[in-house]
């Protein structure tokens, strides 16, 4: 019914940038507003999964360094990450909660190291 596939992770130096992509598919996304409801979470080793960003809302830890561009494609939601810090290293997950059900992708790994 819902498939979320994240790509774009990798190794980047502190201060660098990455753009993550979430390819969203399934019958849910024929519903008006579904793409806008997709958001991003992350989980670092030994830590709980935490909210990162959704359209017009960002975690304080990422502030204005991360953005979800308005010009997302029809089936892909992006997360643009600038000025990356070591503490941003984590597995990043695409997510949507709809009608009381939460759907997750498998994630993409982001490593920030010099």
Protein backbone atom coordinates (compact mmCIF):
# COMPACT_ATOMS: atom_id res chain seq x y z
CA UNK A 1 0.00 0.00 0.00
CA UNK A 2 2.76 2.41 0.93
CA UNK A 3 6.40 2.23 -0.02
CA UNK A 4 9.02 4.73 1.08
CA UNK A 5 12.57 4.39 -0.25
CA UNK A 6 15.33 6.67 0.95
CA UNK A 7 18.52 7.37 -0.98
CA UNK A 8 21.28 9.95 -0.94
CA UNK A 9 23.11 9.14 2.26
CA UNK A 10 26.87 8.84 2.44
CA UNK A 11 30.04 10.19 3.97
CA UNK A 12 30.47 13.95 4.17
CA UNK A 13 32.91 16.22 5.96
CA UNK A 14 31.74 18.58 8.70
CA UNK A 15 30.38 21.70 7.07
CA UNK A 16 29.37 19.82 3.96
CA UNK A 17 25.97 19.23 2.37
CA UNK A 18 23.82 16.32 1.29
CA UNK A 19 20.43 15.93 -0.27
CA UNK A 20 18.35 12.96 0.75
CA UNK A 21 15.51 11.66 -1.38
CA UNK A 22 12.40 9.76 -0.38
CA UNK A 23 10.60 8.04 -3.23
CA UNK A 24 7.03 7.60 -2.11
CA UNK A 25 4.60 5.26 -3.86
CA UNK A 26 1.37 3.43 -3.23
CA UNK A 27 -2.32 4.11 -3.35
CA UNK A 28 -2.16 6.43 -0.34
CA UNK A 29 -0.31 9.01 -2.42
CA UNK A 30 -3.24 9.49 -4.73
CA UNK A 31 -4.84 11.22 -1.73
CA UNK A 32 -4.63 15.00 -1.67
CA UNK A 33 -2.09 16.16 0.89
CA UNK A 34 -0.33 12.85 1.34
CA UNK A 35 3.01 13.96 -0.09
CA UNK A 36 2.96 17.06 2.09
CA UNK A 37 2.55 14.84 5.14
CA UNK A 38 5.79 12.95 4.55
CA UNK A 39 8.43 13.78 7.10
CA UNK A 40 11.95 12.81 8.15
CA UNK A 41 13.32 11.19 11.28
CA UNK A 42 16.78 10.02 12.24
CA UNK A 43 18.34 7.58 14.65
CA UNK A 44 21.94 7.60 15.81
CA UNK A 45 23.54 4.51 17.40
CA UNK A 46 22.41 4.10 20.99
CA UNK A 47 19.82 6.87 20.71
CA UNK A 48 16.09 7.03 20.17
CA UNK A 49 14.65 7.85 16.81
CA UNK A 50 13.91 11.57 16.66
CA UNK A 51 11.92 13.92 14.46
CA UNK A 52 13.98 15.99 12.03
CA UNK A 53 11.73 17.83 9.62
CA UNK A 54 8.39 18.13 7.90
CA UNK A 55 7.10 20.80 5.65
CA UNK A 56 7.31 24.14 7.56
CA UNK A 57 8.54 22.49 10.78
CA UNK A 58 12.07 21.61 11.78
CA UNK A 59 13.68 20.23 14.92
CA UNK A 60 15.60 22.89 16.88
CA UNK A 61 18.78 20.84 16.47
CA UNK A 62 18.72 21.32 12.70
CA UNK A 63 17.21 24.82 12.61
CA UNK A 64 17.58 26.44 9.21
CA UNK A 65 20.43 24.13 8.16
CA UNK A 66 17.93 21.59 6.84
CA UNK A 67 15.10 22.30 4.43
CA UNK A 68 12.40 20.41 2.58
CA UNK A 69 12.30 22.19 -0.76
CA UNK A 70 8.95 23.35 -2.05
CA UNK A 71 9.80 22.09 -5.50
CA UNK A 72 9.60 18.43 -4.64
CA UNK A 73 8.86 16.20 -7.56
CA UNK A 74 5.45 14.59 -7.84
CA UNK A 75 6.61 11.39 -6.16
CA UNK A 76 9.77 12.31 -4.25
CA UNK A 77 10.29 14.28 -1.07
CA UNK A 78 13.75 15.74 -0.54
CA UNK A 79 15.66 16.79 2.55
CA UNK A 80 18.40 19.28 1.88
CA UNK A 81 21.02 19.27 4.63
CA UNK A 82 23.60 22.05 4.82
CA UNK A 83 26.43 22.83 7.24
CA UNK A 84 26.42 19.27 8.52
CA UNK A 85 27.82 18.57 11.96
CA UNK A 86 29.28 15.43 13.46
CA UNK A 87 26.17 15.15 15.61
CA UNK A 88 23.99 14.94 12.50
CA UNK A 89 25.41 11.50 11.73
CA UNK A 90 22.58 8.96 11.89
CA UNK A 91 20.33 6.75 9.84
CA UNK A 92 17.67 8.94 8.26
CA UNK A 93 14.16 7.64 7.74
CA UNK A 94 11.27 8.78 5.63
CA UNK A 95 7.91 8.50 7.38
CA UNK A 96 4.22 9.18 7.01
CA UNK A 97 1.47 8.82 9.55
CA UNK A 98 -1.99 8.50 8.00
CA UNK A 99 -5.30 7.34 9.44
CA UNK A 100 -3.58 6.11 12.58
CA UNK A 101 -0.97 4.03 10.76
CA UNK A 102 2.71 4.87 10.58
CA UNK A 103 4.78 3.88 7.59
CA UNK A 104 8.57 3.88 7.50
CA UNK A 105 11.25 3.44 4.93
CA UNK A 106 14.36 1.39 5.65
CA UNK A 107 16.52 4.47 5.95
CA UNK A 108 19.73 5.82 4.50
CA UNK A 109 22.97 6.23 6.44
CA UNK A 110 24.61 9.63 6.85
CA UNK A 111 28.14 9.77 8.20
CA UNK A 112 29.76 13.08 9.07
CA UNK A 113 33.50 12.83 9.63
CA UNK A 114 36.69 14.51 8.56
